[in-house]
């Protein structure tokens, strides 16, 4: 079995949403699986001494425009969230709760549901009621999901994921590592596909 394509994402990252829509199909075409890692960009930014693009006066408006343009280019629906960015640690904790108790497929389904909710339906994932509603929509026990995101065990699990991401050199999202080679950004898809098809270049 060939190494999985490792994929770090943040539920508050539009580019992560777009990448999540293509990453499984790209990996499958080349006999790979996807290993998802939910993280918080705030933690990686702090470690890398970076700021989110929307925090810069000139870059911010461009970034908002590019989010929508990139979604159109990829052929995926996109609705700008009315509040952006928002803290998504609770959604990420639910991801790790599912990952460690129900398996990678359940976690992957939650990742897709959360990213689509955020960037297609503008669901405010930072609001507990909205997040519980999404959990219920996805067939989860909403009360159990809420208990998980408040549980110190899953808070620590997310912190561990953030620390492991930083140790691996992750400083943004989406971030991929393929056969030890790092690729940052949704726009690195062509390079990732070339690497998967023919190896190092």
N, C-alpha and C. Protein backbone atom coordinates (compact mmCIF):
# COMPACT_ATOMS: atom_id res chain seq x y z
N UNK A 1 0.84 -1.19 0.00
CA UNK A 1 0.00 0.00 0.00
C UNK A 1 0.87 1.24 0.00
N UNK A 2 0.64 2.13 -0.94
CA UNK A 2 1.43 3.34 -1.04
C UNK A 2 1.04 4.32 0.07
N UNK A 3 1.96 5.22 0.40
CA UNK A 3 1.71 6.16 1.49
C UNK A 3 0.49 7.02 1.19
N UNK A 4 -0.28 7.36 2.21
CA UNK A 4 -1.43 8.23 2.00
C UNK A 4 -1.01 9.66 1.69
N UNK A 5 -1.91 10.38 1.09
CA UNK A 5 -1.73 11.81 0.88
C UNK A 5 -2.20 12.49 2.17
N UNK A 6 -1.30 13.12 2.87
CA UNK A 6 -1.64 13.75 4.15
C UNK A 6 -2.15 15.17 3.88
N UNK A 7 -3.28 15.49 4.49
CA UNK A 7 -4.02 16.72 4.17
C UNK A 7 -4.43 17.42 5.46
N UNK A 8 -3.85 18.61 5.68
CA UNK A 8 -4.21 19.43 6.84
C UNK A 8 -5.19 20.51 6.40
N UNK A 9 -6.22 20.71 7.20
CA UNK A 9 -7.24 21.69 6.85
C UNK A 9 -7.76 22.38 8.11
N UNK A 10 -8.38 23.53 7.89
CA UNK A 10 -9.06 24.27 8.96
C UNK A 10 -10.50 24.48 8.50
N UNK A 11 -11.46 24.28 9.37
CA UNK A 11 -12.86 24.46 9.01
C UNK A 11 -13.20 25.91 8.64
N UNK A 12 -12.31 26.84 8.96
CA UNK A 12 -12.54 28.24 8.63
C UNK A 12 -11.72 28.69 7.42
N UNK A 13 -11.24 27.74 6.63
CA UNK A 13 -10.40 28.06 5.47
C UNK A 13 -11.14 27.78 4.17
N UNK A 14 -11.46 28.83 3.38
CA UNK A 14 -12.13 28.60 2.09
C UNK A 14 -11.31 27.72 1.16
N UNK A 15 -10.01 27.90 1.16
CA UNK A 15 -9.17 27.08 0.28
C UNK A 15 -9.17 25.62 0.73
N UNK A 16 -9.28 25.40 2.03
CA UNK A 16 -9.41 24.02 2.52
C UNK A 16 -10.71 23.39 2.02
N UNK A 17 -11.78 24.17 2.02
CA UNK A 17 -13.06 23.68 1.49
C UNK A 17 -12.90 23.25 0.04
N UNK A 18 -12.28 24.10 -0.78
CA UNK A 18 -12.12 23.78 -2.20
C UNK A 18 -11.26 22.53 -2.36
N UNK A 19 -10.15 22.48 -1.64
CA UNK A 19 -9.25 21.33 -1.74
C UNK A 19 -9.93 20.05 -1.30
N UNK A 20 -10.76 20.14 -0.28
CA UNK A 20 -11.46 18.95 0.22
C UNK A 20 -12.38 18.36 -0.84
N UNK A 21 -12.83 19.20 -1.77
CA UNK A 21 -13.72 18.73 -2.82
C UNK A 21 -13.00 17.92 -3.89
N UNK A 22 -11.68 18.08 -4.03
CA UNK A 22 -10.97 17.33 -5.07
C UNK A 22 -9.97 16.31 -4.55
N UNK A 23 -9.57 16.42 -3.30
CA UNK A 23 -8.42 15.64 -2.84
C UNK A 23 -8.66 14.13 -2.88
N UNK A 24 -9.85 13.67 -2.54
CA UNK A 24 -10.10 12.23 -2.53
C UNK A 24 -10.03 11.64 -3.93
N UNK A 25 -10.63 12.33 -4.91
CA UNK A 25 -10.62 11.82 -6.28
C UNK A 25 -9.21 11.79 -6.84
N UNK A 26 -8.43 12.83 -6.57
CA UNK A 26 -7.05 12.87 -7.05
C UNK A 26 -6.24 11.73 -6.44
N UNK A 27 -6.38 11.55 -5.14
CA UNK A 27 -5.64 10.47 -4.48
C UNK A 27 -6.05 9.11 -5.03
N UNK A 28 -7.35 8.89 -5.19
CA UNK A 28 -7.84 7.59 -5.65
C UNK A 28 -7.35 7.25 -7.05
N UNK A 29 -7.25 8.26 -7.92
CA UNK A 29 -6.78 8.00 -9.28
C UNK A 29 -5.36 7.44 -9.30
N UNK A 30 -4.63 7.69 -8.23
CA UNK A 30 -3.24 7.25 -8.18
C UNK A 30 -3.02 6.19 -7.10
N UNK A 31 -4.09 5.53 -6.71
CA UNK A 31 -3.98 4.43 -5.77
C UNK A 31 -3.61 4.86 -4.36
N UNK A 32 -3.97 6.07 -3.99
CA UNK A 32 -3.65 6.58 -2.65
C UNK A 32 -4.94 6.80 -1.86
N UNK A 33 -4.78 6.88 -0.56
CA UNK A 33 -5.86 7.32 0.32
C UNK A 33 -5.51 8.70 0.85
N UNK A 34 -6.45 9.30 1.54
CA UNK A 34 -6.24 10.64 2.12
C UNK A 34 -6.27 10.51 3.63
N UNK A 35 -5.29 11.09 4.27
CA UNK A 35 -5.20 11.12 5.73
C UNK A 35 -5.44 12.56 6.17
N UNK A 36 -6.64 12.84 6.67
CA UNK A 36 -7.00 14.21 7.03
C UNK A 36 -6.55 14.56 8.45
N UNK A 37 -6.21 15.83 8.63
CA UNK A 37 -5.82 16.36 9.93
C UNK A 37 -6.50 17.71 10.12
N UNK A 38 -7.46 17.77 11.02
CA UNK A 38 -8.09 19.06 11.34
C UNK A 38 -7.19 19.83 12.30
N UNK A 39 -6.90 21.09 11.94
CA UNK A 39 -6.05 21.93 12.77
C UNK A 39 -6.64 23.33 12.85
N UNK A 40 -6.01 24.15 13.66
CA UNK A 40 -6.40 25.55 13.78
C UNK A 40 -5.30 26.40 13.16
N UNK A 41 -5.67 27.17 12.16
CA UNK A 41 -4.69 28.02 11.50
C UNK A 41 -4.06 29.02 12.46
N UNK A 42 -4.83 29.45 13.45
CA UNK A 42 -4.27 30.40 14.42
C UNK A 42 -3.03 29.86 15.08
N UNK A 43 -3.03 28.58 15.40
CA UNK A 43 -1.87 27.97 16.05
C UNK A 43 -0.68 27.92 15.10
N UNK A 44 -0.93 27.54 13.84
CA UNK A 44 0.17 27.45 12.89
C UNK A 44 0.68 28.84 12.52
N UNK A 45 -0.22 29.81 12.40
CA UNK A 45 0.21 31.18 12.11
C UNK A 45 1.11 31.71 13.21
N UNK A 46 0.70 31.45 14.45
CA UNK A 46 1.49 31.94 15.58
C UNK A 46 2.89 31.34 15.56
N UNK A 47 2.97 30.05 15.29
CA UNK A 47 4.28 29.39 15.27
C UNK A 47 5.15 29.91 14.14
N UNK A 48 4.51 30.24 13.00
CA UNK A 48 5.25 30.70 11.83
C UNK A 48 5.39 32.22 11.78
N UNK A 49 4.86 32.92 12.79
CA UNK A 49 4.89 34.38 12.85
C UNK A 49 4.19 34.98 11.63
N UNK A 50 3.01 34.44 11.32
CA UNK A 50 2.22 34.90 10.18
C UNK A 50 0.88 35.45 10.66
N UNK A 51 0.18 36.11 9.75
CA UNK A 51 -1.17 36.58 9.98
C UNK A 51 -2.06 36.06 8.86
N UNK A 52 -3.37 35.92 9.12
CA UNK A 52 -4.26 35.52 8.03
C UNK A 52 -4.28 36.59 6.95
N UNK A 53 -4.48 36.21 5.68
CA UNK A 53 -4.44 37.20 4.59
C UNK A 53 -5.45 38.33 4.75
N UNK A 54 -6.60 38.01 5.34
CA UNK A 54 -7.62 39.05 5.50
C UNK A 54 -7.26 40.08 6.56
N UNK A 55 -6.17 39.85 7.29
CA UNK A 55 -5.76 40.80 8.32
C UNK A 55 -4.98 41.98 7.75
N UNK A 56 -4.62 41.91 6.46
CA UNK A 56 -3.83 42.97 5.85
C UNK A 56 -4.74 43.90 5.05
N UNK A 57 -4.59 45.23 5.22
CA UNK A 57 -5.50 46.18 4.56
C UNK A 57 -5.61 46.00 3.05
N UNK A 58 -4.50 45.80 2.35
CA UNK A 58 -4.55 45.67 0.90
C UNK A 58 -4.82 44.23 0.45
N UNK A 59 -4.28 43.28 1.17
CA UNK A 59 -4.42 41.88 0.78
C UNK A 59 -5.79 41.32 1.12
N UNK A 60 -6.43 41.87 2.15
CA UNK A 60 -7.72 41.36 2.60
C UNK A 60 -8.78 41.35 1.51
N UNK A 61 -9.08 42.52 0.89
CA UNK A 61 -10.11 42.53 -0.16
C UNK A 61 -9.77 41.60 -1.33
N UNK A 62 -8.49 41.54 -1.69
CA UNK A 62 -8.09 40.62 -2.75
C UNK A 62 -8.39 39.18 -2.36
N UNK A 63 -8.08 38.82 -1.12
CA UNK A 63 -8.28 37.45 -0.67
C UNK A 63 -9.75 37.06 -0.74
N UNK A 64 -10.62 37.97 -0.29
CA UNK A 64 -12.05 37.67 -0.34
C UNK A 64 -12.50 37.44 -1.78
N UNK A 65 -11.97 38.23 -2.70
CA UNK A 65 -12.30 38.06 -4.12
C UNK A 65 -11.75 36.74 -4.65
N UNK A 66 -10.54 36.40 -4.20
CA UNK A 66 -9.91 35.18 -4.69
C UNK A 66 -10.59 33.93 -4.17
N UNK A 67 -11.12 33.98 -2.97
CA UNK A 67 -11.86 32.82 -2.45
C UNK A 67 -12.98 32.44 -3.43
N UNK A 68 -13.77 33.44 -3.78
CA UNK A 68 -14.92 33.19 -4.66
C UNK A 68 -14.46 32.80 -6.06
N UNK A 69 -13.45 33.49 -6.59
CA UNK A 69 -12.96 33.17 -7.93
C UNK A 69 -12.39 31.75 -7.99
N UNK A 70 -11.65 31.36 -6.94
CA UNK A 70 -11.05 30.02 -6.91
C UNK A 70 -12.13 28.95 -6.87
N UNK A 71 -13.21 29.21 -6.14
CA UNK A 71 -14.32 28.25 -6.11
C UNK A 71 -14.97 28.14 -7.48
N UNK A 72 -15.18 29.27 -8.13
CA UNK A 72 -15.76 29.23 -9.48
C UNK A 72 -14.85 28.46 -10.44
N UNK A 73 -13.56 28.71 -10.34
CA UNK A 73 -12.60 28.03 -11.21
C UNK A 73 -12.62 26.53 -10.99
N UNK A 74 -12.79 26.12 -9.73
CA UNK A 74 -12.84 24.70 -9.40
C UNK A 74 -14.20 24.08 -9.69
N UNK A 75 -15.20 24.92 -9.98
CA UNK A 75 -16.53 24.41 -10.28
C UNK A 75 -17.30 23.95 -9.07
N UNK A 76 -17.03 24.58 -7.92
CA UNK A 76 -17.75 24.21 -6.70
C UNK A 76 -18.55 25.40 -6.20
N UNK A 77 -19.69 25.17 -5.57
CA UNK A 77 -20.49 26.29 -5.06
C UNK A 77 -19.78 26.99 -3.91
N UNK A 78 -20.06 28.26 -3.76
CA UNK A 78 -19.43 29.03 -2.69
C UNK A 78 -20.32 30.18 -2.29
N UNK A 79 -20.56 30.30 -0.99
CA UNK A 79 -21.29 31.42 -0.43
C UNK A 79 -20.42 32.06 0.64
N UNK A 80 -20.03 33.32 0.48
CA UNK A 80 -19.17 33.94 1.49
C UNK A 80 -19.87 33.99 2.84
N UNK A 81 -19.22 33.49 3.89
CA UNK A 81 -19.83 33.57 5.22
C UNK A 81 -20.00 35.04 5.63
N UNK A 82 -21.11 35.38 6.26
CA UNK A 82 -21.32 36.78 6.66
C UNK A 82 -20.31 37.25 7.70
N UNK A 83 -19.82 36.34 8.50
CA UNK A 83 -18.76 36.66 9.47
C UNK A 83 -17.57 35.77 9.14
N UNK A 84 -16.41 36.40 8.95
CA UNK A 84 -15.23 35.64 8.55
C UNK A 84 -13.97 36.39 8.95
N UNK A 85 -12.98 35.68 9.47
CA UNK A 85 -13.01 34.26 9.87
C UNK A 85 -13.71 34.08 11.21
N UNK A 86 -13.99 32.85 11.55
CA UNK A 86 -14.60 32.54 12.84
C UNK A 86 -13.80 31.42 13.51
N UNK A 87 -13.85 31.33 14.84
CA UNK A 87 -13.15 30.24 15.52
C UNK A 87 -13.87 28.91 15.27
N UNK A 88 -13.13 27.89 14.90
CA UNK A 88 -13.75 26.61 14.55
C UNK A 88 -13.17 25.45 15.37
N UNK A 89 -12.69 25.78 16.56
CA UNK A 89 -12.10 24.71 17.36
C UNK A 89 -13.11 23.62 17.74
N UNK A 90 -14.37 24.00 17.93
CA UNK A 90 -15.36 22.99 18.31
C UNK A 90 -15.60 21.99 17.18
N UNK A 91 -15.70 22.49 15.97
CA UNK A 91 -15.87 21.59 14.82
C UNK A 91 -14.66 20.67 14.68
N UNK A 92 -13.47 21.21 14.93
CA UNK A 92 -12.25 20.41 14.83
C UNK A 92 -12.19 19.35 15.93
N UNK A 93 -12.65 19.70 17.13
CA UNK A 93 -12.67 18.71 18.20
C UNK A 93 -13.62 17.58 17.88
N UNK A 94 -14.76 17.89 17.27
CA UNK A 94 -15.70 16.84 16.85
C UNK A 94 -15.04 15.94 15.81
N UNK A 95 -14.27 16.54 14.90
CA UNK A 95 -13.55 15.74 13.92
C UNK A 95 -12.66 14.69 14.60
N UNK A 96 -11.87 15.14 15.59
CA UNK A 96 -10.95 14.20 16.24
C UNK A 96 -11.68 13.19 17.11
N UNK A 97 -12.79 13.60 17.69
CA UNK A 97 -13.64 12.67 18.45
C UNK A 97 -14.13 11.56 17.53
N UNK A 98 -14.62 11.93 16.36
CA UNK A 98 -15.09 10.92 15.41
C UNK A 98 -13.92 10.09 14.88
N UNK A 99 -12.83 10.76 14.56
CA UNK A 99 -11.66 10.07 14.03
C UNK A 99 -11.19 8.95 14.96
N UNK A 100 -11.12 9.27 16.24
CA UNK A 100 -10.55 8.33 17.20
C UNK A 100 -11.54 7.32 17.76
N UNK A 101 -12.83 7.59 17.62
CA UNK A 101 -13.84 6.67 18.17
C UNK A 101 -14.64 5.94 17.10
N UNK A 102 -14.80 6.55 15.91
CA UNK A 102 -15.60 5.93 14.86
C UNK A 102 -14.82 5.65 13.58
N UNK A 103 -13.62 6.22 13.47
CA UNK A 103 -12.77 5.91 12.33
C UNK A 103 -12.62 7.05 11.34
N UNK A 104 -11.69 6.85 10.42
CA UNK A 104 -11.32 7.92 9.49
C UNK A 104 -12.45 8.26 8.53
N UNK A 105 -13.28 7.31 8.16
CA UNK A 105 -14.36 7.61 7.23
C UNK A 105 -15.40 8.53 7.86
N UNK A 106 -15.73 8.27 9.12
CA UNK A 106 -16.69 9.12 9.83
C UNK A 106 -16.12 10.54 9.97
N UNK A 107 -14.83 10.63 10.27
CA UNK A 107 -14.20 11.94 10.39
C UNK A 107 -14.17 12.66 9.06
N UNK A 108 -13.90 11.93 7.98
CA UNK A 108 -13.87 12.54 6.65
C UNK A 108 -15.25 13.07 6.26
N UNK A 109 -16.29 12.31 6.58
CA UNK A 109 -17.65 12.78 6.28
C UNK A 109 -17.96 14.05 7.05
N UNK A 110 -17.51 14.11 8.30
CA UNK A 110 -17.73 15.32 9.10
C UNK A 110 -16.95 16.50 8.53
N UNK A 111 -15.74 16.26 8.09
CA UNK A 111 -14.94 17.33 7.49
C UNK A 111 -15.66 17.91 6.29
N UNK A 112 -16.15 17.04 5.43
CA UNK A 112 -16.86 17.51 4.23
C UNK A 112 -18.14 18.25 4.60
N UNK A 113 -18.89 17.70 5.54
CA UNK A 113 -20.13 18.34 5.97
C UNK A 113 -19.87 19.71 6.56
N UNK A 114 -18.84 19.80 7.41
CA UNK A 114 -18.54 21.08 8.05
C UNK A 114 -18.06 22.13 7.08
N UNK A 115 -17.17 21.75 6.18
CA UNK A 115 -16.65 22.71 5.21
C UNK A 115 -17.75 23.17 4.25
N UNK A 116 -18.58 22.26 3.81
CA UNK A 116 -19.69 22.66 2.93
C UNK A 116 -20.70 23.52 3.67
N UNK A 117 -20.96 23.19 4.92
CA UNK A 117 -21.90 24.01 5.69
C UNK A 117 -21.38 25.43 5.81
N UNK A 118 -20.09 25.56 6.07
CA UNK A 118 -19.47 26.87 6.27
C UNK A 118 -19.45 27.69 4.99
N UNK A 119 -19.09 27.05 3.86
CA UNK A 119 -18.81 27.82 2.66
C UNK A 119 -19.80 27.64 1.52
N UNK A 120 -20.82 26.83 1.74
CA UNK A 120 -21.90 26.74 0.75
C UNK A 120 -23.19 27.31 1.34
N UNK A 121 -23.46 26.97 2.61
CA UNK A 121 -24.70 27.41 3.24
C UNK A 121 -24.50 28.50 4.28
N UNK A 122 -23.25 28.92 4.47
CA UNK A 122 -22.92 29.98 5.43
C UNK A 122 -23.42 29.66 6.84
N UNK A 123 -23.30 28.41 7.24
CA UNK A 123 -23.67 27.99 8.59
C UNK A 123 -22.59 28.51 9.55
N UNK A 124 -22.97 29.22 10.60
CA UNK A 124 -21.98 29.78 11.53
C UNK A 124 -21.44 28.70 12.48
N UNK A 125 -20.41 28.02 12.07
CA UNK A 125 -19.90 26.89 12.84
C UNK A 125 -19.38 27.27 14.21
N UNK A 126 -19.16 28.56 14.44
CA UNK A 126 -18.67 28.99 15.75
C UNK A 126 -19.80 29.09 16.77
N UNK A 127 -21.04 29.00 16.31
CA UNK A 127 -22.19 29.08 17.21
C UNK A 127 -22.60 27.66 17.63
N UNK A 128 -22.61 27.38 18.93
CA UNK A 128 -22.91 26.02 19.39
C UNK A 128 -24.23 25.46 18.86
N UNK A 129 -25.26 26.27 18.80
CA UNK A 129 -26.56 25.77 18.33
C UNK A 129 -26.47 25.34 16.87
N UNK A 130 -25.77 26.13 16.07
CA UNK A 130 -25.62 25.79 14.65
C UNK A 130 -24.80 24.52 14.49
N UNK A 131 -23.76 24.39 15.29
CA UNK A 131 -22.91 23.21 15.19
C UNK A 131 -23.66 21.95 15.64
N UNK A 132 -24.46 22.07 16.70
CA UNK A 132 -25.29 20.94 17.12
C UNK A 132 -26.30 20.58 16.04
N UNK A 133 -26.85 21.59 15.39
CA UNK A 133 -27.79 21.33 14.31
C UNK A 133 -27.14 20.57 13.17
N UNK A 134 -25.90 20.96 12.84
CA UNK A 134 -25.18 20.25 11.78
C UNK A 134 -24.90 18.81 12.19
N UNK A 135 -24.52 18.60 13.43
CA UNK A 135 -24.27 17.25 13.92
C UNK A 135 -25.52 16.39 13.77
N UNK A 136 -26.66 16.95 14.13
CA UNK A 136 -27.92 16.20 14.01
C UNK A 136 -28.22 15.89 12.55
N UNK A 137 -28.00 16.87 11.67
CA UNK A 137 -28.21 16.65 10.23
C UNK A 137 -27.38 15.48 9.72
N UNK A 138 -26.19 15.34 10.27
CA UNK A 138 -25.27 14.31 9.81
C UNK A 138 -25.48 12.97 10.52
N UNK A 139 -26.55 12.88 11.29
CA UNK A 139 -26.89 11.62 11.94
C UNK A 139 -26.11 11.35 13.20
N UNK A 140 -25.47 12.36 13.75
CA UNK A 140 -24.73 12.19 15.00
C UNK A 140 -25.63 12.51 16.18
N UNK A 141 -25.24 12.04 17.33
CA UNK A 141 -25.91 12.42 18.57
C UNK A 141 -25.42 13.83 18.90
N UNK A 142 -26.26 14.82 18.73
CA UNK A 142 -25.85 16.21 18.88
C UNK A 142 -25.38 16.52 20.30
N UNK A 143 -26.03 15.94 21.28
CA UNK A 143 -25.61 16.16 22.66
C UNK A 143 -24.24 15.53 22.92
N UNK A 144 -24.01 14.37 22.33
CA UNK A 144 -22.70 13.72 22.48
C UNK A 144 -21.61 14.54 21.79
N UNK A 145 -21.94 15.12 20.65
CA UNK A 145 -20.97 15.97 19.95
C UNK A 145 -20.62 17.19 20.79
N UNK A 146 -21.65 17.81 21.39
CA UNK A 146 -21.40 18.97 22.25
C UNK A 146 -20.56 18.58 23.46
N UNK A 147 -20.86 17.43 24.04
CA UNK A 147 -20.07 16.97 25.17
C UNK A 147 -18.63 16.74 24.76
N UNK A 148 -18.42 16.23 23.54
CA UNK A 148 -17.07 15.98 23.06
C UNK A 148 -16.29 17.27 22.90
N UNK A 149 -16.91 18.29 22.29
CA UNK A 149 -16.13 19.51 22.07
C UNK A 149 -15.85 20.27 23.36
N UNK A 150 -16.57 19.94 24.42
CA UNK A 150 -16.29 20.54 25.73
C UNK A 150 -15.41 19.67 26.62
N UNK A 151 -15.11 18.48 26.16
CA UNK A 151 -14.35 17.52 26.95
C UNK A 151 -12.85 17.81 26.86
N UNK A 152 -12.16 17.90 28.00
CA UNK A 152 -10.70 18.16 27.97
C UNK A 152 -9.92 17.14 27.14
N UNK A 153 -10.43 15.92 27.03
CA UNK A 153 -9.75 14.90 26.24
C UNK A 153 -9.64 15.33 24.78
N UNK A 154 -10.73 15.84 24.22
CA UNK A 154 -10.74 16.22 22.81
C UNK A 154 -10.14 17.60 22.60
N UNK A 155 -10.18 18.43 23.62
CA UNK A 155 -9.44 19.69 23.55
C UNK A 155 -7.94 19.40 23.44
N UNK A 156 -7.47 18.46 24.26
CA UNK A 156 -6.06 18.09 24.22
C UNK A 156 -5.71 17.38 22.90
N UNK A 157 -6.66 16.61 22.37
CA UNK A 157 -6.39 15.91 21.10
C UNK A 157 -6.18 16.91 19.98
N UNK A 158 -6.97 17.98 19.96
CA UNK A 158 -6.78 19.01 18.94
C UNK A 158 -5.46 19.73 19.14
N UNK A 159 -5.12 20.02 20.38
CA UNK A 159 -3.83 20.66 20.64
C UNK A 159 -2.69 19.77 20.15
N UNK A 160 -2.82 18.48 20.40
CA UNK A 160 -1.80 17.54 19.92
C UNK A 160 -1.70 17.60 18.39
N UNK A 161 -2.84 17.66 17.73
CA UNK A 161 -2.84 17.73 16.26
C UNK A 161 -2.16 19.01 15.78
N UNK A 162 -2.44 20.12 16.47
CA UNK A 162 -1.78 21.38 16.12
C UNK A 162 -0.28 21.28 16.30
N UNK A 163 0.14 20.72 17.43
CA UNK A 163 1.57 20.60 17.72
C UNK A 163 2.26 19.70 16.69
N UNK A 164 1.59 18.62 16.32
CA UNK A 164 2.16 17.70 15.33
C UNK A 164 2.25 18.36 13.96
N UNK A 165 1.25 19.17 13.63
CA UNK A 165 1.29 19.89 12.35
C UNK A 165 2.47 20.86 12.31
N UNK A 166 2.64 21.60 13.38
CA UNK A 166 3.75 22.56 13.43
C UNK A 166 5.08 21.83 13.33
N UNK A 167 5.19 20.71 14.02
CA UNK A 167 6.43 19.92 13.97
C UNK A 167 6.70 19.39 12.56
N UNK A 168 5.63 19.16 11.79
CA UNK A 168 5.77 18.67 10.42
C UNK A 168 6.03 19.79 9.43
N UNK A 169 6.03 21.04 9.91
CA UNK A 169 6.29 22.17 9.03
C UNK A 169 5.06 22.81 8.43
N UNK A 170 3.89 22.45 8.94
CA UNK A 170 2.64 23.02 8.43
C UNK A 170 2.48 24.44 8.95
N UNK A 171 2.27 25.39 8.03
CA UNK A 171 2.11 26.79 8.44
C UNK A 171 0.88 27.44 7.82
N UNK A 172 0.09 26.66 7.11
CA UNK A 172 -1.12 27.20 6.49
C UNK A 172 -2.03 26.05 6.11
N UNK A 173 -3.16 26.39 5.46
CA UNK A 173 -4.09 25.35 5.03
C UNK A 173 -4.79 25.80 3.74
N UNK A 174 -5.02 24.86 2.83
CA UNK A 174 -4.69 23.45 2.95
C UNK A 174 -3.19 23.22 2.80
N UNK A 175 -2.72 22.19 3.47
CA UNK A 175 -1.31 21.82 3.41
C UNK A 175 -1.27 20.31 3.19
N UNK A 176 -0.41 19.89 2.28
CA UNK A 176 -0.31 18.49 1.93
C UNK A 176 1.13 18.01 2.07
N UNK A 177 1.30 16.78 2.45
CA UNK A 177 2.60 16.13 2.35
C UNK A 177 2.40 14.83 1.58
N UNK A 178 3.15 14.72 0.48
CA UNK A 178 3.07 13.54 -0.38
C UNK A 178 4.47 12.93 -0.46
N UNK A 179 4.60 11.73 0.04
CA UNK A 179 5.90 11.04 0.03
C UNK A 179 7.00 11.91 0.65
N UNK A 180 6.64 12.63 1.69
CA UNK A 180 7.61 13.48 2.37
C UNK A 180 7.76 14.86 1.77
N UNK A 181 7.11 15.13 0.65
CA UNK A 181 7.23 16.43 -0.03
C UNK A 181 6.07 17.34 0.37
N UNK A 182 6.35 18.54 0.89
CA UNK A 182 5.28 19.44 1.30
C UNK A 182 4.75 20.28 0.14
N UNK A 183 3.44 20.49 0.15
CA UNK A 183 2.79 21.36 -0.82
C UNK A 183 1.79 22.23 -0.05
N UNK A 184 1.89 23.53 -0.22
CA UNK A 184 0.99 24.44 0.51
C UNK A 184 0.05 25.11 -0.48
N UNK A 185 -1.23 24.99 -0.22
CA UNK A 185 -2.21 25.74 -0.98
C UNK A 185 -3.02 24.91 -1.96
N UNK A 186 -4.28 25.31 -2.11
CA UNK A 186 -5.18 24.69 -3.08
C UNK A 186 -4.63 24.78 -4.49
N UNK A 187 -3.88 25.85 -4.79
CA UNK A 187 -3.36 26.03 -6.14
C UNK A 187 -2.17 25.12 -6.46
N UNK A 188 -1.76 24.30 -5.51
CA UNK A 188 -0.69 23.33 -5.79
C UNK A 188 -1.23 22.01 -6.33
N UNK A 189 -2.51 21.98 -6.63
CA UNK A 189 -3.10 20.74 -7.16
C UNK A 189 -2.35 20.21 -8.39
N UNK A 190 -2.04 21.04 -9.40
CA UNK A 190 -1.33 20.48 -10.57
C UNK A 190 0.01 19.84 -10.20
N UNK A 191 0.74 20.45 -9.26
CA UNK A 191 2.01 19.87 -8.86
C UNK A 191 1.81 18.55 -8.12
N UNK A 192 0.79 18.51 -7.27
CA UNK A 192 0.50 17.27 -6.55
C UNK A 192 0.14 16.16 -7.54
N UNK A 193 -0.69 16.49 -8.53
CA UNK A 193 -1.07 15.48 -9.51
C UNK A 193 0.14 14.99 -10.29
N UNK A 194 1.02 15.91 -10.68
CA UNK A 194 2.22 15.50 -11.41
C UNK A 194 3.08 14.58 -10.54
N UNK A 195 3.22 14.94 -9.27
CA UNK A 195 4.04 14.14 -8.34
C UNK A 195 3.45 12.73 -8.20
N UNK A 196 2.13 12.66 -8.03
CA UNK A 196 1.48 11.37 -7.87
C UNK A 196 1.59 10.52 -9.14
N UNK A 197 1.58 11.18 -10.28
CA UNK A 197 1.61 10.46 -11.55
C UNK A 197 3.01 9.94 -11.88
N UNK A 198 4.03 10.81 -11.68
CA UNK A 198 5.34 10.44 -12.17
C UNK A 198 6.45 10.52 -11.15
N UNK A 199 6.14 10.89 -9.90
CA UNK A 199 7.16 10.94 -8.88
C UNK A 199 7.86 12.29 -8.82
N UNK A 200 8.96 12.36 -8.08
CA UNK A 200 9.65 13.64 -7.89
C UNK A 200 10.04 14.31 -9.20
N UNK A 201 9.98 15.62 -9.18
CA UNK A 201 10.40 16.41 -10.35
C UNK A 201 11.20 17.61 -9.88
